[in-house]
Amino acid sequence: MTAHPPLPTSRPLLDPAPEYAKWQSEEPISRVTIWGDNSPWLITRHEDARTVLADPRFSADAGHPGFPHTRPGAPPQAPGLF
């Protein structure tokens, strides 16, 4: 299993973490670790995000197998809830 960099949790007030600028220029689509071995894709450029959001192969359905929940053991949320 490949180790992915952790998603930054600390940042300067009102600014994104410095790692985002580096990823945006060097590796705009990459995997990150958010907890345990949960490694979702991180997309740092607007045009890339638009492409992914328009692609039916990607899903925002929290019940979809492999969906990266925000914490370990998080149950799927009902549609429309954030």
N, C-alpha and C. Protein backbone atom coordinates (compact mmCIF):
# COMPACT_ATOMS: atom_id res chain seq x y z
N MET A 1 0.83 -1.18 0.00
CA MET A 1 0.00 0.00 0.00
C MET A 1 0.88 1.25 0.00
N THR A 2 0.58 2.19 -0.85
CA THR A 2 1.33 3.43 -0.95
C THR A 2 0.85 4.41 0.10
N ALA A 3 1.80 5.03 0.80
CA ALA A 3 1.43 6.05 1.79
C ALA A 3 1.18 7.37 1.06
N HIS A 4 0.06 7.97 1.35
CA HIS A 4 -0.27 9.26 0.75
C HIS A 4 -0.05 10.35 1.79
N PRO A 5 0.27 11.57 1.37
CA PRO A 5 0.47 12.64 2.35
C PRO A 5 -0.83 12.94 3.09
N PRO A 6 -0.72 13.36 4.34
CA PRO A 6 -1.93 13.69 5.10
C PRO A 6 -2.55 15.00 4.61
N LEU A 7 -3.87 15.07 4.67
CA LEU A 7 -4.55 16.32 4.36
C LEU A 7 -4.24 17.30 5.49
N PRO A 8 -3.74 18.49 5.19
CA PRO A 8 -3.40 19.44 6.25
C PRO A 8 -4.63 19.85 7.05
N THR A 9 -4.48 19.88 8.37
CA THR A 9 -5.58 20.31 9.22
C THR A 9 -5.33 21.66 9.88
N SER A 10 -4.07 22.08 9.91
CA SER A 10 -3.79 23.41 10.45
C SER A 10 -3.46 24.35 9.30
N ARG A 11 -3.86 25.60 9.46
CA ARG A 11 -3.64 26.58 8.40
C ARG A 11 -3.62 27.97 8.99
N PRO A 12 -3.02 28.91 8.27
CA PRO A 12 -3.06 30.30 8.73
C PRO A 12 -4.52 30.80 8.68
N LEU A 13 -4.83 31.72 9.53
CA LEU A 13 -6.18 32.29 9.57
C LEU A 13 -6.60 32.81 8.21
N LEU A 14 -7.73 32.36 7.70
CA LEU A 14 -8.35 32.78 6.45
C LEU A 14 -7.58 32.40 5.18
N ASP A 15 -6.53 31.63 5.30
CA ASP A 15 -5.76 31.20 4.13
C ASP A 15 -5.68 29.68 4.10
N PRO A 16 -5.60 29.11 2.92
CA PRO A 16 -5.42 27.66 2.87
C PRO A 16 -4.03 27.27 3.38
N ALA A 17 -3.91 26.02 3.77
CA ALA A 17 -2.60 25.52 4.22
C ALA A 17 -1.58 25.68 3.10
N PRO A 18 -0.33 25.97 3.42
CA PRO A 18 0.70 26.18 2.39
C PRO A 18 0.87 24.99 1.45
N GLU A 19 0.59 23.78 1.91
CA GLU A 19 0.74 22.59 1.07
C GLU A 19 -0.14 22.66 -0.18
N TYR A 20 -1.29 23.33 -0.09
CA TYR A 20 -2.20 23.39 -1.23
C TYR A 20 -1.57 24.10 -2.43
N ALA A 21 -0.83 25.16 -2.20
CA ALA A 21 -0.18 25.86 -3.32
C ALA A 21 0.84 24.96 -4.00
N LYS A 22 1.57 24.21 -3.22
CA LYS A 22 2.55 23.27 -3.77
C LYS A 22 1.84 22.20 -4.59
N TRP A 23 0.79 21.61 -4.04
CA TRP A 23 0.05 20.57 -4.76
C TRP A 23 -0.59 21.15 -6.02
N GLN A 24 -1.10 22.36 -5.93
CA GLN A 24 -1.77 22.97 -7.09
C GLN A 24 -0.80 23.11 -8.26
N SER A 25 0.44 23.46 -7.98
CA SER A 25 1.40 23.65 -9.07
C SER A 25 2.10 22.35 -9.48
N GLU A 26 2.35 21.45 -8.54
CA GLU A 26 3.14 20.26 -8.84
C GLU A 26 2.31 18.99 -9.07
N GLU A 27 1.22 18.86 -8.36
CA GLU A 27 0.42 17.63 -8.43
C GLU A 27 -1.05 17.98 -8.16
N PRO A 28 -1.71 18.61 -9.14
CA PRO A 28 -3.05 19.15 -8.90
C PRO A 28 -4.14 18.12 -8.62
N ILE A 29 -3.92 16.87 -9.03
CA ILE A 29 -4.85 15.80 -8.70
C ILE A 29 -4.03 14.71 -8.03
N SER A 30 -4.27 14.49 -6.74
CA SER A 30 -3.48 13.53 -5.99
C SER A 30 -4.32 12.90 -4.88
N ARG A 31 -3.80 11.87 -4.29
CA ARG A 31 -4.48 11.23 -3.17
C ARG A 31 -3.88 11.77 -1.88
N VAL A 32 -4.72 11.88 -0.86
CA VAL A 32 -4.28 12.30 0.46
C VAL A 32 -4.90 11.35 1.49
N THR A 33 -4.34 11.34 2.68
CA THR A 33 -4.88 10.54 3.76
C THR A 33 -5.64 11.47 4.69
N ILE A 34 -6.90 11.12 4.99
CA ILE A 34 -7.66 11.97 5.90
C ILE A 34 -7.80 11.34 7.28
N TRP A 35 -7.73 10.04 7.39
CA TRP A 35 -7.66 9.31 8.67
C TRP A 35 -7.45 7.85 8.34
N GLY A 36 -6.75 7.16 9.20
CA GLY A 36 -6.51 5.74 8.97
C GLY A 36 -5.94 5.49 7.59
N ASP A 37 -6.55 4.55 6.88
CA ASP A 37 -6.10 4.26 5.51
C ASP A 37 -7.08 4.81 4.47
N ASN A 38 -7.90 5.77 4.87
CA ASN A 38 -8.87 6.40 3.97
C ASN A 38 -8.15 7.45 3.14
N SER A 39 -8.05 7.23 1.84
CA SER A 39 -7.26 8.11 0.96
C SER A 39 -8.07 8.58 -0.24
N PRO A 40 -8.88 9.64 -0.06
CA PRO A 40 -9.64 10.17 -1.19
C PRO A 40 -8.74 10.98 -2.12
N TRP A 41 -9.30 11.32 -3.26
CA TRP A 41 -8.60 12.20 -4.21
C TRP A 41 -8.76 13.65 -3.78
N LEU A 42 -7.70 14.42 -3.93
CA LEU A 42 -7.72 15.86 -3.68
C LEU A 42 -7.49 16.56 -5.01
N ILE A 43 -8.40 17.44 -5.37
CA ILE A 43 -8.30 18.19 -6.63
C ILE A 43 -8.16 19.66 -6.28
N THR A 44 -7.07 20.27 -6.71
CA THR A 44 -6.75 21.62 -6.25
C THR A 44 -6.95 22.72 -7.29
N ARG A 45 -7.28 22.36 -8.53
CA ARG A 45 -7.48 23.39 -9.55
C ARG A 45 -8.95 23.43 -9.97
N HIS A 46 -9.45 24.63 -10.18
CA HIS A 46 -10.86 24.84 -10.50
C HIS A 46 -11.29 24.07 -11.74
N GLU A 47 -10.54 24.16 -12.81
CA GLU A 47 -10.94 23.50 -14.06
C GLU A 47 -10.96 21.98 -13.88
N ASP A 48 -10.01 21.43 -13.14
CA ASP A 48 -10.02 19.99 -12.88
C ASP A 48 -11.24 19.61 -12.04
N ALA A 49 -11.58 20.42 -11.06
CA ALA A 49 -12.75 20.14 -10.23
C ALA A 49 -14.02 20.17 -11.07
N ARG A 50 -14.14 21.10 -11.98
CA ARG A 50 -15.32 21.16 -12.87
C ARG A 50 -15.42 19.90 -13.72
N THR A 51 -14.29 19.43 -14.22
CA THR A 51 -14.28 18.22 -15.03
C THR A 51 -14.75 17.01 -14.22
N VAL A 52 -14.24 16.86 -13.02
CA VAL A 52 -14.64 15.74 -12.17
C VAL A 52 -16.12 15.84 -11.80
N LEU A 53 -16.58 17.01 -11.43
CA LEU A 53 -17.97 17.16 -11.02
C LEU A 53 -18.95 16.88 -12.16
N ALA A 54 -18.51 17.04 -13.39
CA ALA A 54 -19.37 16.77 -14.55
C ALA A 54 -19.28 15.32 -15.03
N ASP A 55 -18.38 14.55 -14.46
CA ASP A 55 -18.14 13.17 -14.89
C ASP A 55 -19.03 12.21 -14.11
N PRO A 56 -19.89 11.43 -14.77
CA PRO A 56 -20.79 10.53 -14.05
C PRO A 56 -20.09 9.37 -13.35
N ARG A 57 -18.80 9.16 -13.62
CA ARG A 57 -18.08 8.08 -12.93
C ARG A 57 -17.77 8.44 -11.48
N PHE A 58 -17.88 9.71 -11.13
CA PHE A 58 -17.64 10.16 -9.76
C PHE A 58 -18.98 10.34 -9.07
N SER A 59 -19.01 10.16 -7.76
CA SER A 59 -20.28 10.21 -7.04
C SER A 59 -20.15 10.99 -5.74
N ALA A 60 -21.22 11.71 -5.39
CA ALA A 60 -21.31 12.38 -4.10
C ALA A 60 -22.23 11.59 -3.17
N ASP A 61 -22.59 10.37 -3.57
CA ASP A 61 -23.47 9.51 -2.80
C ASP A 61 -22.67 8.87 -1.67
N ALA A 62 -22.96 9.28 -0.42
CA ALA A 62 -22.23 8.76 0.73
C ALA A 62 -22.45 7.27 0.94
N GLY A 63 -23.46 6.70 0.33
CA GLY A 63 -23.70 5.27 0.44
C GLY A 63 -22.93 4.45 -0.59
N HIS A 64 -22.24 5.12 -1.49
CA HIS A 64 -21.48 4.45 -2.54
C HIS A 64 -20.27 3.74 -1.92
N PRO A 65 -20.00 2.49 -2.31
CA PRO A 65 -18.82 1.79 -1.76
C PRO A 65 -17.54 2.59 -2.01
N GLY A 66 -16.72 2.71 -0.99
CA GLY A 66 -15.46 3.44 -1.09
C GLY A 66 -15.59 4.93 -0.87
N PHE A 67 -16.79 5.42 -0.55
CA PHE A 67 -16.97 6.85 -0.32
C PHE A 67 -16.12 7.28 0.89
N PRO A 68 -15.32 8.35 0.77
CA PRO A 68 -14.45 8.77 1.87
C PRO A 68 -15.21 9.60 2.92
N HIS A 69 -15.59 8.98 4.00
CA HIS A 69 -16.30 9.69 5.06
C HIS A 69 -15.35 10.61 5.82
N THR A 70 -15.91 11.58 6.52
CA THR A 70 -15.10 12.59 7.19
C THR A 70 -14.50 12.12 8.51
N ARG A 71 -14.96 10.99 9.01
CA ARG A 71 -14.39 10.44 10.24
C ARG A 71 -14.58 8.93 10.21
N PRO A 72 -13.76 8.20 10.98
CA PRO A 72 -13.89 6.74 10.98
C PRO A 72 -15.29 6.32 11.43
N GLY A 73 -15.85 5.36 10.72
CA GLY A 73 -17.15 4.82 11.10
C GLY A 73 -18.33 5.73 10.85
N ALA A 74 -18.16 6.80 10.11
CA ALA A 74 -19.25 7.73 9.86
C ALA A 74 -20.32 7.03 9.01
N PRO A 75 -21.55 7.07 9.47
CA PRO A 75 -22.62 6.43 8.67
C PRO A 75 -22.96 7.29 7.46
N PRO A 76 -23.50 6.68 6.42
CA PRO A 76 -23.93 7.49 5.27
C PRO A 76 -25.01 8.48 5.70
N GLN A 77 -24.95 9.69 5.14
CA GLN A 77 -25.95 10.71 5.43
C GLN A 77 -27.08 10.61 4.44
N ALA A 78 -28.22 11.04 4.87
CA ALA A 78 -29.38 11.08 3.98
C ALA A 78 -29.11 12.09 2.86
N PRO A 79 -29.65 11.85 1.66
CA PRO A 79 -29.44 12.78 0.55
C PRO A 79 -29.86 14.21 0.94
N GLY A 80 -29.06 15.17 0.52
CA GLY A 80 -29.37 16.57 0.78
C GLY A 80 -28.83 17.10 2.09
N LEU A 81 -28.27 16.24 2.94
CA LEU A 81 -27.71 16.71 4.21
C LEU A 81 -26.20 16.90 4.06
N PHE A 82 -25.68 17.89 4.74
CA PHE A 82 -24.25 18.17 4.67
C PHE A 82 -23.60 17.92 5.99
